[in-house]
Amino acid sequence: SRKAAAELRTRITARIGRTVREPVARTFHSYAFGVLHRA
């Protein structure tokens, strides 16, 4: 779910104390859409 992915991203970035260029946590559908976009 988007809600679960957003919570994971928030907690991971807070835990490591930094941001990253690509989302660390994504839904299956969001990741698959990203693959199609890159292709």
PDB file of all heavy atoms in Angstrom:
ATOM      1  N   SER A   1       0.844  -1.198   0.000  1.00  0.00           N
ATOM      2  CA  SER A   1       0.000   0.000   0.000  1.00  0.00           C
ATOM      3  C   SER A   1       0.877   1.245   0.000  1.00  0.00           C
ATOM      4  O   SER A   1       2.011   1.224   0.490  1.00  0.00           O
ATOM      5  CB  SER A   1      -0.920   0.019   1.233  1.00  0.00           C
ATOM      6  OG  SER A   1      -0.180   0.254   2.421  1.00  0.00           O
ATOM      7  N   ARG A   2       0.332   2.324  -0.575  1.00  0.00           N
ATOM      8  CA  ARG A   2       1.072   3.583  -0.597  1.00  0.00           C
ATOM      9  C   ARG A   2       1.340   4.079   0.818  1.00  0.00           C
ATOM     10  O   ARG A   2       2.402   4.640   1.106  1.00  0.00           O
ATOM     11  CB  ARG A   2       0.279   4.631  -1.383  1.00  0.00           C
ATOM     12  CG  ARG A   2       0.182   4.336  -2.871  1.00  0.00           C
ATOM     13  CD  ARG A   2      -0.426   5.511  -3.619  1.00  0.00           C
ATOM     14  NE  ARG A   2      -1.780   5.789  -3.185  1.00  0.00           N
ATOM     15  CZ  ARG A   2      -2.854   5.232  -3.718  1.00  0.00           C
ATOM     16  NH1 ARG A   2      -2.730   4.353  -4.696  1.00  0.00           N
ATOM     17  NH2 ARG A   2      -4.063   5.536  -3.278  1.00  0.00           N
ATOM     18  N   LYS A   3       0.379   3.866   1.710  1.00  0.00           N
ATOM     19  CA  LYS A   3       0.541   4.322   3.089  1.00  0.00           C
ATOM     20  C   LYS A   3       1.697   3.597   3.773  1.00  0.00           C
ATOM     21  O   LYS A   3       2.530   4.216   4.452  1.00  0.00           O
ATOM     22  CB  LYS A   3      -0.763   4.094   3.859  1.00  0.00           C
ATOM     23  CG  LYS A   3      -0.757   4.614   5.276  1.00  0.00           C
ATOM     24  CD  LYS A   3      -2.114   4.415   5.925  1.00  0.00           C
ATOM     25  CE  LYS A   3      -2.129   4.944   7.356  1.00  0.00           C
ATOM     26  NZ  LYS A   3      -3.462   4.747   7.999  1.00  0.00           N
ATOM     27  N   ALA A   4       1.769   2.277   3.589  1.00  0.00           N
ATOM     28  CA  ALA A   4       2.857   1.502   4.191  1.00  0.00           C
ATOM     29  C   ALA A   4       4.198   1.894   3.595  1.00  0.00           C
ATOM     30  O   ALA A   4       5.204   2.001   4.312  1.00  0.00           O
ATOM     31  CB  ALA A   4       2.603   0.009   4.002  1.00  0.00           C
ATOM     32  N   ALA A   5       4.236   2.121   2.273  1.00  0.00           N
ATOM     33  CA  ALA A   5       5.490   2.517   1.637  1.00  0.00           C
ATOM     34  C   ALA A   5       5.959   3.879   2.144  1.00  0.00           C
ATOM     35  O   ALA A   5       7.149   4.086   2.397  1.00  0.00           O
ATOM     36  CB  ALA A   5       5.318   2.550   0.119  1.00  0.00           C
ATOM     37  N   ALA A   6       5.007   4.817   2.313  1.00  0.00           N
ATOM     38  CA  ALA A   6       5.376   6.145   2.809  1.00  0.00           C
ATOM     39  C   ALA A   6       5.914   6.063   4.233  1.00  0.00           C
ATOM     40  O   ALA A   6       6.896   6.739   4.581  1.00  0.00           O
ATOM     41  CB  ALA A   6       4.161   7.074   2.756  1.00  0.00           C
ATOM     42  N   GLU A   7       5.290   5.217   5.073  1.00  0.00           N
ATOM     43  CA  GLU A   7       5.772   5.075   6.449  1.00  0.00           C
ATOM     44  C   GLU A   7       7.182   4.482   6.466  1.00  0.00           C
ATOM     45  O   GLU A   7       8.054   4.931   7.221  1.00  0.00           O
ATOM     46  CB  GLU A   7       4.827   4.175   7.248  1.00  0.00           C
ATOM     47  CG  GLU A   7       5.278   3.965   8.686  1.00  0.00           C
ATOM     48  CD  GLU A   7       4.443   2.940   9.423  1.00  0.00           C
ATOM     49  OE1 GLU A   7       3.457   2.445   8.846  1.00  0.00           O
ATOM     50  OE2 GLU A   7       4.791   2.630  10.578  1.00  0.00           O
ATOM     51  N   LEU A   8       7.412   3.481   5.631  1.00  0.00           N
ATOM     52  CA  LEU A   8       8.741   2.872   5.578  1.00  0.00           C
ATOM     53  C   LEU A   8       9.786   3.878   5.112  1.00  0.00           C
ATOM     54  O   LEU A   8      10.878   3.961   5.684  1.00  0.00           O
ATOM     55  CB  LEU A   8       8.724   1.663   4.645  1.00  0.00           C
ATOM     56  CG  LEU A   8       8.180   0.361   5.241  1.00  0.00           C
ATOM     57  CD1 LEU A   8       7.904  -0.646   4.138  1.00  0.00           C
ATOM     58  CD2 LEU A   8       9.167  -0.224   6.247  1.00  0.00           C
ATOM     59  N   ARG A   9       9.465   4.659   4.077  1.00  0.00           N
ATOM     60  CA  ARG A   9      10.426   5.662   3.598  1.00  0.00           C
ATOM     61  C   ARG A   9      10.762   6.666   4.692  1.00  0.00           C
ATOM     62  O   ARG A   9      11.926   7.026   4.901  1.00  0.00           O
ATOM     63  CB  ARG A   9       9.855   6.395   2.376  1.00  0.00           C
ATOM     64  CG  ARG A   9       9.867   5.582   1.106  1.00  0.00           C
ATOM     65  CD  ARG A   9       9.635   6.466  -0.094  1.00  0.00           C
ATOM     66  NE  ARG A   9       8.326   7.094  -0.086  1.00  0.00           N
ATOM     67  CZ  ARG A   9       7.240   6.561  -0.636  1.00  0.00           C
ATOM     68  NH1 ARG A   9       7.309   5.371  -1.217  1.00  0.00           N
ATOM     69  NH2 ARG A   9       6.094   7.202  -0.615  1.00  0.00           N
ATOM     70  N   THR A  10       9.722   7.131   5.418  1.00  0.00           N
ATOM     71  CA  THR A  10       9.944   8.116   6.467  1.00  0.00           C
ATOM     72  C   THR A  10      10.822   7.551   7.573  1.00  0.00           C
ATOM     73  O   THR A  10      11.771   8.196   8.035  1.00  0.00           O
ATOM     74  CB  THR A  10       8.595   8.581   7.045  1.00  0.00           C
ATOM     75  OG1 THR A  10       7.812   9.178   6.001  1.00  0.00           O
ATOM     76  CG2 THR A  10       8.798   9.594   8.160  1.00  0.00           C
ATOM     77  N   ARG A  11      10.522   6.332   7.983  1.00  0.00           N
ATOM     78  CA  ARG A  11      11.274   5.742   9.089  1.00  0.00           C
ATOM     79  C   ARG A  11      12.710   5.409   8.684  1.00  0.00           C
ATOM     80  O   ARG A  11      13.637   5.570   9.484  1.00  0.00           O
ATOM     81  CB  ARG A  11      10.544   4.492   9.601  1.00  0.00           C
ATOM     82  CG  ARG A  11       9.230   4.811  10.291  1.00  0.00           C
ATOM     83  CD  ARG A  11       8.531   3.569  10.813  1.00  0.00           C
ATOM     84  NE  ARG A  11       9.333   2.824  11.768  1.00  0.00           N
ATOM     85  CZ  ARG A  11       8.894   1.765  12.440  1.00  0.00           C
ATOM     86  NH1 ARG A  11       7.652   1.338  12.244  1.00  0.00           N
ATOM     87  NH2 ARG A  11       9.676   1.134  13.288  1.00  0.00           N
ATOM     88  N   ILE A  12      12.905   4.954   7.454  1.00  0.00           N
ATOM     89  CA  ILE A  12      14.262   4.600   7.025  1.00  0.00           C
ATOM     90  C   ILE A  12      15.126   5.846   6.894  1.00  0.00           C
ATOM     91  O   ILE A  12      16.262   5.887   7.380  1.00  0.00           O
ATOM     92  CB  ILE A  12      14.210   3.818   5.697  1.00  0.00           C
ATOM     93  CG1 ILE A  12      13.623   2.424   5.938  1.00  0.00           C
ATOM     94  CG2 ILE A  12      15.610   3.700   5.096  1.00  0.00           C
ATOM     95  CD1 ILE A  12      13.345   1.648   4.666  1.00  0.00           C
ATOM     96  N   THR A  13      14.599   6.891   6.236  1.00  0.00           N
ATOM     97  CA  THR A  13      15.396   8.108   6.062  1.00  0.00           C
ATOM     98  C   THR A  13      15.681   8.771   7.410  1.00  0.00           C
ATOM     99  O   THR A  13      16.765   9.326   7.614  1.00  0.00           O
ATOM    100  CB  THR A  13      14.679   9.094   5.133  1.00  0.00           C
ATOM    101  OG1 THR A  13      13.335   9.319   5.599  1.00  0.00           O
ATOM    102  CG2 THR A  13      14.618   8.570   3.715  1.00  0.00           C
ATOM    103  N   ALA A  14      14.714   8.716   8.348  1.00  0.00           N
ATOM    104  CA  ALA A  14      14.974   9.268   9.677  1.00  0.00           C
ATOM    105  C   ALA A  14      16.034   8.449  10.405  1.00  0.00           C
ATOM    106  O   ALA A  14      16.891   9.001  11.109  1.00  0.00           O
ATOM    107  CB  ALA A  14      13.680   9.302  10.485  1.00  0.00           C
ATOM    108  N   ARG A  15      15.991   7.151  10.224  1.00  0.00           N
ATOM    109  CA  ARG A  15      16.928   6.272  10.931  1.00  0.00           C
ATOM    110  C   ARG A  15      18.357   6.460  10.430  1.00  0.00           C
ATOM    111  O   ARG A  15      19.307   6.448  11.232  1.00  0.00           O
ATOM    112  CB  ARG A  15      16.472   4.821  10.743  1.00  0.00           C
ATOM    113  CG  ARG A  15      17.350   3.804  11.418  1.00  0.00           C
ATOM    114  CD  ARG A  15      17.271   3.909  12.938  1.00  0.00           C
ATOM    115  NE  ARG A  15      18.141   2.930  13.550  1.00  0.00           N
ATOM    116  CZ  ARG A  15      19.451   3.091  13.730  1.00  0.00           C
ATOM    117  NH1 ARG A  15      20.041   4.219  13.340  1.00  0.00           N
ATOM    118  NH2 ARG A  15      20.167   2.149  14.304  1.00  0.00           N
ATOM    119  N   ILE A  16      18.534   6.624   9.105  1.00  0.00           N
ATOM    120  CA  ILE A  16      19.889   6.775   8.572  1.00  0.00           C
ATOM    121  C   ILE A  16      20.329   8.233   8.558  1.00  0.00           C
ATOM    122  O   ILE A  16      21.497   8.528   8.279  1.00  0.00           O
ATOM    123  CB  ILE A  16      20.002   6.181   7.152  1.00  0.00           C
ATOM    124  CG1 ILE A  16      19.107   6.939   6.171  1.00  0.00           C
ATOM    125  CG2 ILE A  16      19.647   4.696   7.173  1.00  0.00           C
ATOM    126  CD1 ILE A  16      19.217   6.440   4.741  1.00  0.00           C
ATOM    127  N   GLY A  17      19.400   9.162   8.827  1.00  0.00           N
ATOM    128  CA  GLY A  17      19.746  10.573   8.913  1.00  0.00           C
ATOM    129  C   GLY A  17      20.140  11.203   7.600  1.00  0.00           C
ATOM    130  O   GLY A  17      20.932  12.143   7.571  1.00  0.00           O
ATOM    131  N   ARG A  18      19.559  10.708   6.504  1.00  0.00           N
ATOM    132  CA  ARG A  18      19.879  11.276   5.199  1.00  0.00           C
ATOM    133  C   ARG A  18      18.765  10.934   4.219  1.00  0.00           C
ATOM    134  O   ARG A  18      17.924  10.075   4.491  1.00  0.00           O
ATOM    135  CB  ARG A  18      21.204  10.713   4.664  1.00  0.00           C
ATOM    136  CG  ARG A  18      21.211   9.200   4.590  1.00  0.00           C
ATOM    137  CD  ARG A  18      22.530   8.609   4.157  1.00  0.00           C
ATOM    138  NE  ARG A  18      22.775   8.830   2.743  1.00  0.00           N
ATOM    139  CZ  ARG A  18      23.733   8.197   2.068  1.00  0.00           C
ATOM    140  NH1 ARG A  18      24.541   7.351   2.695  1.00  0.00           N
ATOM    141  NH2 ARG A  18      23.915   8.430   0.786  1.00  0.00           N
ATOM    142  N   THR A  19      18.749  11.638   3.092  1.00  0.00           N
ATOM    143  CA  THR A  19      17.802  11.331   2.039  1.00  0.00           C
ATOM    144  C   THR A  19      18.535  10.623   0.900  1.00  0.00           C
ATOM    145  O   THR A  19      19.751  10.673   0.809  1.00  0.00           O
ATOM    146  CB  THR A  19      17.146  12.610   1.487  1.00  0.00           C
ATOM    147  OG1 THR A  19      18.172  13.489   0.985  1.00  0.00           O
ATOM    148  CG2 THR A  19      16.370  13.327   2.577  1.00  0.00           C
ATOM    149  N   VAL A  20      17.756   9.970   0.062  1.00  0.00           N
ATOM    150  CA  VAL A  20      18.329   9.276  -1.088  1.00  0.00           C
ATOM    151  C   VAL A  20      17.595   9.712  -2.343  1.00  0.00           C
ATOM    152  O   VAL A  20      16.462  10.176  -2.283  1.00  0.00           O
ATOM    153  CB  VAL A  20      18.233   7.740  -0.916  1.00  0.00           C
ATOM    154  CG1 VAL A  20      19.102   7.271   0.227  1.00  0.00           C
ATOM    155  CG2 VAL A  20      16.800   7.317  -0.700  1.00  0.00           C
ATOM    156  N   ARG A  21      18.260   9.551  -3.491  1.00  0.00           N
ATOM    157  CA  ARG A  21      17.696  10.049  -4.746  1.00  0.00           C
ATOM    158  C   ARG A  21      16.473   9.246  -5.160  1.00  0.00           C
ATOM    159  O   ARG A  21      15.462   9.805  -5.562  1.00  0.00           O
ATOM    160  CB  ARG A  21      18.762   9.993  -5.838  1.00  0.00           C
ATOM    161  CG  ARG A  21      18.329  10.555  -7.183  1.00  0.00           C
ATOM    162  CD  ARG A  21      19.515  10.635  -8.131  1.00  0.00           C
ATOM    163  NE  ARG A  21      20.114   9.318  -8.326  1.00  0.00           N
ATOM    164  CZ  ARG A  21      19.691   8.441  -9.246  1.00  0.00           C
ATOM    165  NH1 ARG A  21      18.694   8.750 -10.038  1.00  0.00           N
ATOM    166  NH2 ARG A  21      20.289   7.275  -9.365  1.00  0.00           N
ATOM    167  N   GLU A  22      16.542   7.932  -5.079  1.00  0.00           N
ATOM    168  CA  GLU A  22      15.434   7.066  -5.439  1.00  0.00           C
ATOM    169  C   GLU A  22      14.698   6.632  -4.171  1.00  0.00           C
ATOM    170  O   GLU A  22      15.322   6.425  -3.130  1.00  0.00           O
ATOM    171  CB  GLU A  22      15.942   5.831  -6.182  1.00  0.00           C
ATOM    172  CG  GLU A  22      16.412   6.112  -7.595  1.00  0.00           C
ATOM    173  CD  GLU A  22      15.263   6.369  -8.546  1.00  0.00           C
ATOM    174  OE1 GLU A  22      14.142   5.879  -8.296  1.00  0.00           O
ATOM    175  OE2 GLU A  22      15.471   7.089  -9.531  1.00  0.00           O
ATOM    176  N   PRO A  23      13.374   6.472  -4.233  1.00  0.00           N
ATOM    177  CA  PRO A  23      12.644   5.999  -3.054  1.00  0.00           C
ATOM    178  C   PRO A  23      13.156   4.632  -2.604  1.00  0.00           C
ATOM    179  O   PRO A  23      13.298   3.721  -3.419  1.00  0.00           O
ATOM    180  CB  PRO A  23      11.191   5.919  -3.545  1.00  0.00           C
ATOM    181  CG  PRO A  23      11.124   6.817  -4.739  1.00  0.00           C
ATOM    182  CD  PRO A  23      12.484   6.754  -5.364  1.00  0.00           C
ATOM    183  N   VAL A  24      13.423   4.504  -1.310  1.00  0.00           N
ATOM    184  CA  VAL A  24      13.893   3.218  -0.794  1.00  0.00           C
ATOM    185  C   VAL A  24      12.752   2.214  -0.754  1.00  0.00           C
ATOM    186  O   VAL A  24      12.942   1.029  -1.048  1.00  0.00           O
ATOM    187  CB  VAL A  24      14.498   3.402   0.614  1.00  0.00           C
ATOM    188  CG1 VAL A  24      14.931   2.065   1.193  1.00  0.00           C
ATOM    189  CG2 VAL A  24      15.671   4.359   0.559  1.00  0.00           C
ATOM    190  N   ALA A  25      11.560   2.653  -0.392  1.00  0.00           N
ATOM    191  CA  ALA A  25      10.396   1.771  -0.266  1.00  0.00           C
ATOM    192  C   ALA A  25       9.342   2.162  -1.292  1.00  0.00           C
ATOM    193  O   ALA A  25       9.014   3.343  -1.443  1.00  0.00           O
ATOM    194  CB  ALA A  25       9.821   1.857   1.149  1.00  0.00           C
ATOM    195  N   ARG A  26       8.805   1.162  -1.978  1.00  0.00           N
ATOM    196  CA  ARG A  26       7.807   1.408  -3.010  1.00  0.00           C
ATOM    197  C   ARG A  26       6.787   0.281  -2.981  1.00  0.00           C
ATOM    198  O   ARG A  26       7.044  -0.812  -2.463  1.00  0.00           O
ATOM    199  CB  ARG A  26       8.457   1.466  -4.407  1.00  0.00           C
ATOM    200  CG  ARG A  26       9.628   2.397  -4.505  1.00  0.00           C
ATOM    201  CD  ARG A  26      10.211   2.454  -5.894  1.00  0.00           C
ATOM    202  NE  ARG A  26       9.323   3.158  -6.813  1.00  0.00           N
ATOM    203  CZ  ARG A  26       9.711   3.600  -8.001  1.00  0.00           C
ATOM    204  NH1 ARG A  26      10.942   3.396  -8.411  1.00  0.00           N
ATOM    205  NH2 ARG A  26       8.875   4.233  -8.789  1.00  0.00           N
ATOM    206  N   THR A  27       5.621   0.537  -3.559  1.00  0.00           N
ATOM    207  CA  THR A  27       4.670  -0.545  -3.759  1.00  0.00           C
ATOM    208  C   THR A  27       5.096  -1.356  -4.977  1.00  0.00           C
ATOM    209  O   THR A  27       5.871  -0.895  -5.820  1.00  0.00           O
ATOM    210  CB  THR A  27       3.252  -0.001  -3.984  1.00  0.00           C
ATOM    211  OG1 THR A  27       3.223   0.733  -5.227  1.00  0.00           O
ATOM    212  CG2 THR A  27       2.825   0.909  -2.847  1.00  0.00           C
ATOM    213  N   PHE A  28       4.587  -2.571  -5.081  1.00  0.00           N
ATOM    214  CA  PHE A  28       4.891  -3.397  -6.244  1.00  0.00           C
ATOM    215  C   PHE A  28       4.481  -2.688  -7.536  1.00  0.00           C
ATOM    216  O   PHE A  28       5.220  -2.688  -8.524  1.00  0.00           O
ATOM    217  CB  PHE A  28       4.155  -4.736  -6.147  1.00  0.00           C
ATOM    218  CG  PHE A  28       4.929  -5.792  -5.411  1.00  0.00           C
ATOM    219  CD1 PHE A  28       4.751  -5.984  -4.058  1.00  0.00           C
ATOM    220  CD2 PHE A  28       5.825  -6.605  -6.083  1.00  0.00           C
ATOM    221  CE1 PHE A  28       5.458  -6.965  -3.375  1.00  0.00           C
ATOM    222  CE2 PHE A  28       6.541  -7.592  -5.420  1.00  0.00           C
ATOM    223  CZ  PHE A  28       6.355  -7.764  -4.060  1.00  0.00           C
ATOM    224  N   HIS A  29       3.307  -2.082  -7.531  1.00  0.00           N
ATOM    225  CA  HIS A  29       2.816  -1.442  -8.747  1.00  0.00           C
ATOM    226  C   HIS A  29       3.633  -0.196  -9.084  1.00  0.00           C
ATOM    227  O   HIS A  29       3.887   0.083 -10.265  1.00  0.00           O
ATOM    228  CB  HIS A  29       1.333  -1.097  -8.594  1.00  0.00           C
ATOM    229  CG  HIS A  29       0.448  -2.306  -8.540  1.00  0.00           C
ATOM    230  ND1 HIS A  29       0.061  -2.881  -7.353  1.00  0.00           N
ATOM    231  CD2 HIS A  29      -0.095  -3.060  -9.523  1.00  0.00           C
ATOM    232  CE1 HIS A  29      -0.696  -3.933  -7.611  1.00  0.00           C
ATOM    233  NE2 HIS A  29      -0.814  -4.066  -8.918  1.00  0.00           N
ATOM    234  N   SER A  30       4.043   0.554  -8.068  1.00  0.00           N
ATOM    235  CA  SER A  30       4.871   1.728  -8.320  1.00  0.00           C
ATOM    236  C   SER A  30       6.215   1.316  -8.915  1.00  0.00           C
ATOM    237  O   SER A  30       6.709   1.949  -9.864  1.00  0.00           O
ATOM    238  CB  SER A  30       5.083   2.517  -7.021  1.00  0.00           C
ATOM    239  OG  SER A  30       6.041   3.532  -7.195  1.00  0.00           O
ATOM    240  N   TYR A  31       6.813   0.263  -8.367  1.00  0.00           N
ATOM    241  CA  TYR A  31       8.090  -0.197  -8.907  1.00  0.00           C
ATOM    242  C   TYR A  31       7.927  -0.681 -10.339  1.00  0.00           C
ATOM    243  O   TYR A  31       8.746  -0.364 -11.224  1.00  0.00           O
ATOM    244  CB  TYR A  31       8.663  -1.309  -8.035  1.00  0.00           C
ATOM    245  CG  TYR A  31       9.889  -1.941  -8.648  1.00  0.00           C
ATOM    246  CD1 TYR A  31      11.111  -1.279  -8.634  1.00  0.00           C
ATOM    247  CD2 TYR A  31       9.809  -3.169  -9.305  1.00  0.00           C
ATOM    248  CE1 TYR A  31      12.229  -1.829  -9.243  1.00  0.00           C
ATOM    249  CE2 TYR A  31      10.918  -3.721  -9.906  1.00  0.00           C
ATOM    250  CZ  TYR A  31      12.127  -3.051  -9.873  1.00  0.00           C
ATOM    251  OH  TYR A  31      13.224  -3.583 -10.483  1.00  0.00           O
ATOM    252  N   ALA A  32       6.876  -1.474 -10.601  1.00  0.00           N
ATOM    253  CA  ALA A  32       6.653  -1.983 -11.954  1.00  0.00           C
ATOM    254  C   ALA A  32       6.433  -0.840 -12.938  1.00  0.00           C
ATOM    255  O   ALA A  32       6.933  -0.877 -14.074  1.00  0.00           O
ATOM    256  CB  ALA A  32       5.456  -2.934 -11.964  1.00  0.00           C
ATOM    257  N   PHE A  33       5.697   0.192 -12.518  1.00  0.00           N
ATOM    258  CA  PHE A  33       5.480   1.350 -13.388  1.00  0.00           C
ATOM    259  C   PHE A  33       6.808   2.045 -13.680  1.00  0.00           C
ATOM    260  O   PHE A  33       7.052   2.510 -14.792  1.00  0.00           O
ATOM    261  CB  PHE A  33       4.495   2.315 -12.731  1.00  0.00           C
ATOM    262  CG  PHE A  33       4.048   3.433 -13.633  1.00  0.00           C
ATOM    263  CD1 PHE A  33       3.156   3.198 -14.663  1.00  0.00           C
ATOM    264  CD2 PHE A  33       4.525   4.718 -13.459  1.00  0.00           C
ATOM    265  CE1 PHE A  33       2.742   4.219 -15.496  1.00  0.00           C
ATOM    266  CE2 PHE A  33       4.124   5.753 -14.281  1.00  0.00           C
ATOM    267  CZ  PHE A  33       3.225   5.488 -15.308  1.00  0.00           C
ATOM    268  N   GLY A  34       7.695   2.108 -12.673  1.00  0.00           N
ATOM    269  CA  GLY A  34       9.015   2.685 -12.882  1.00  0.00           C
ATOM    270  C   GLY A  34       9.831   1.892 -13.894  1.00  0.00           C
ATOM    271  O   GLY A  34      10.555   2.472 -14.714  1.00  0.00           O
ATOM    272  N   VAL A  35       9.728   0.563 -13.851  1.00  0.00           N
ATOM    273  CA  VAL A  35      10.431  -0.272 -14.832  1.00  0.00           C
ATOM    274  C   VAL A  35       9.932   0.030 -16.237  1.00  0.00           C
ATOM    275  O   VAL A  35      10.724   0.186 -17.181  1.00  0.00           O
ATOM    276  CB  VAL A  35      10.239  -1.764 -14.500  1.00  0.00           C
ATOM    277  CG1 VAL A  35      10.774  -2.649 -15.634  1.00  0.00           C
ATOM    278  CG2 VAL A  35      10.946  -2.124 -13.202  1.00  0.00           C
ATOM    279  N   LEU A  36       8.608   0.129 -16.400  1.00  0.00           N
ATOM    280  CA  LEU A  36       8.044   0.423 -17.716  1.00  0.00           C
ATOM    281  C   LEU A  36       8.468   1.814 -18.189  1.00  0.00           C
ATOM    282  O   LEU A  36       8.735   2.021 -19.385  1.00  0.00           O
ATOM    283  CB  LEU A  36       6.523   0.330 -17.658  1.00  0.00           C
ATOM    284  CG  LEU A  36       5.954  -1.064 -17.354  1.00  0.00           C
ATOM    285  CD1 LEU A  36       4.439  -1.004 -17.253  1.00  0.00           C
ATOM    286  CD2 LEU A  36       6.372  -2.058 -18.420  1.00  0.00           C
ATOM    287  N   HIS A  37       8.535   2.760 -17.247  1.00  0.00           N
ATOM    288  CA  HIS A  37       8.951   4.120 -17.603  1.00  0.00           C
ATOM    289  C   HIS A  37      10.404   4.124 -18.076  1.00  0.00           C
ATOM    290  O   HIS A  37      10.743   4.763 -19.095  1.00  0.00           O
ATOM    291  CB  HIS A  37       8.773   5.032 -16.387  1.00  0.00           C
ATOM    292  CG  HIS A  37       8.793   6.490 -16.715  1.00  0.00           C
ATOM    293  ND1 HIS A  37       9.956   7.173 -17.003  1.00  0.00           N
ATOM    294  CD2 HIS A  37       7.796   7.401 -16.824  1.00  0.00           C
ATOM    295  CE1 HIS A  37       9.677   8.422 -17.257  1.00  0.00           C
ATOM    296  NE2 HIS A  37       8.375   8.597 -17.164  1.00  0.00           N
ATOM    297  N   ARG A  38      11.293   3.407 -17.365  1.00  0.00           N
ATOM    298  CA  ARG A  38      12.701   3.363 -17.759  1.00  0.00           C
ATOM    299  C   ARG A  38      12.881   2.626 -19.090  1.00  0.00           C
ATOM    300  O   ARG A  38      13.712   3.019 -19.917  1.00  0.00           O
ATOM    301  CB  ARG A  38      13.525   2.711 -16.649  1.00  0.00           C
ATOM    302  CG  ARG A  38      13.671   3.580 -15.411  1.00  0.00           C
ATOM    303  CD  ARG A  38      14.634   2.983 -14.410  1.00  0.00           C
ATOM    304  NE  ARG A  38      14.065   1.861 -13.689  1.00  0.00           N
ATOM    305  CZ  ARG A  38      13.322   1.971 -12.592  1.00  0.00           C
ATOM    306  NH1 ARG A  38      13.033   3.174 -12.108  1.00  0.00           N
ATOM    307  NH2 ARG A  38      12.854   0.906 -11.971  1.00  0.00           N
ATOM    308  N   ALA A  39      12.102   1.567 -19.296  1.00  0.00           N
ATOM    309  CA  ALA A  39      12.198   0.834 -20.557  1.00  0.00           C
ATOM    310  C   ALA A  39      11.763   1.710 -21.727  1.00  0.00           C
ATOM    311  O   ALA A  39      12.395   1.694 -22.796  1.00  0.00           O
ATOM    312  CB  ALA A  39      11.342  -0.431 -20.491  1.00  0.00           C
TER     313      ALA A  39
END
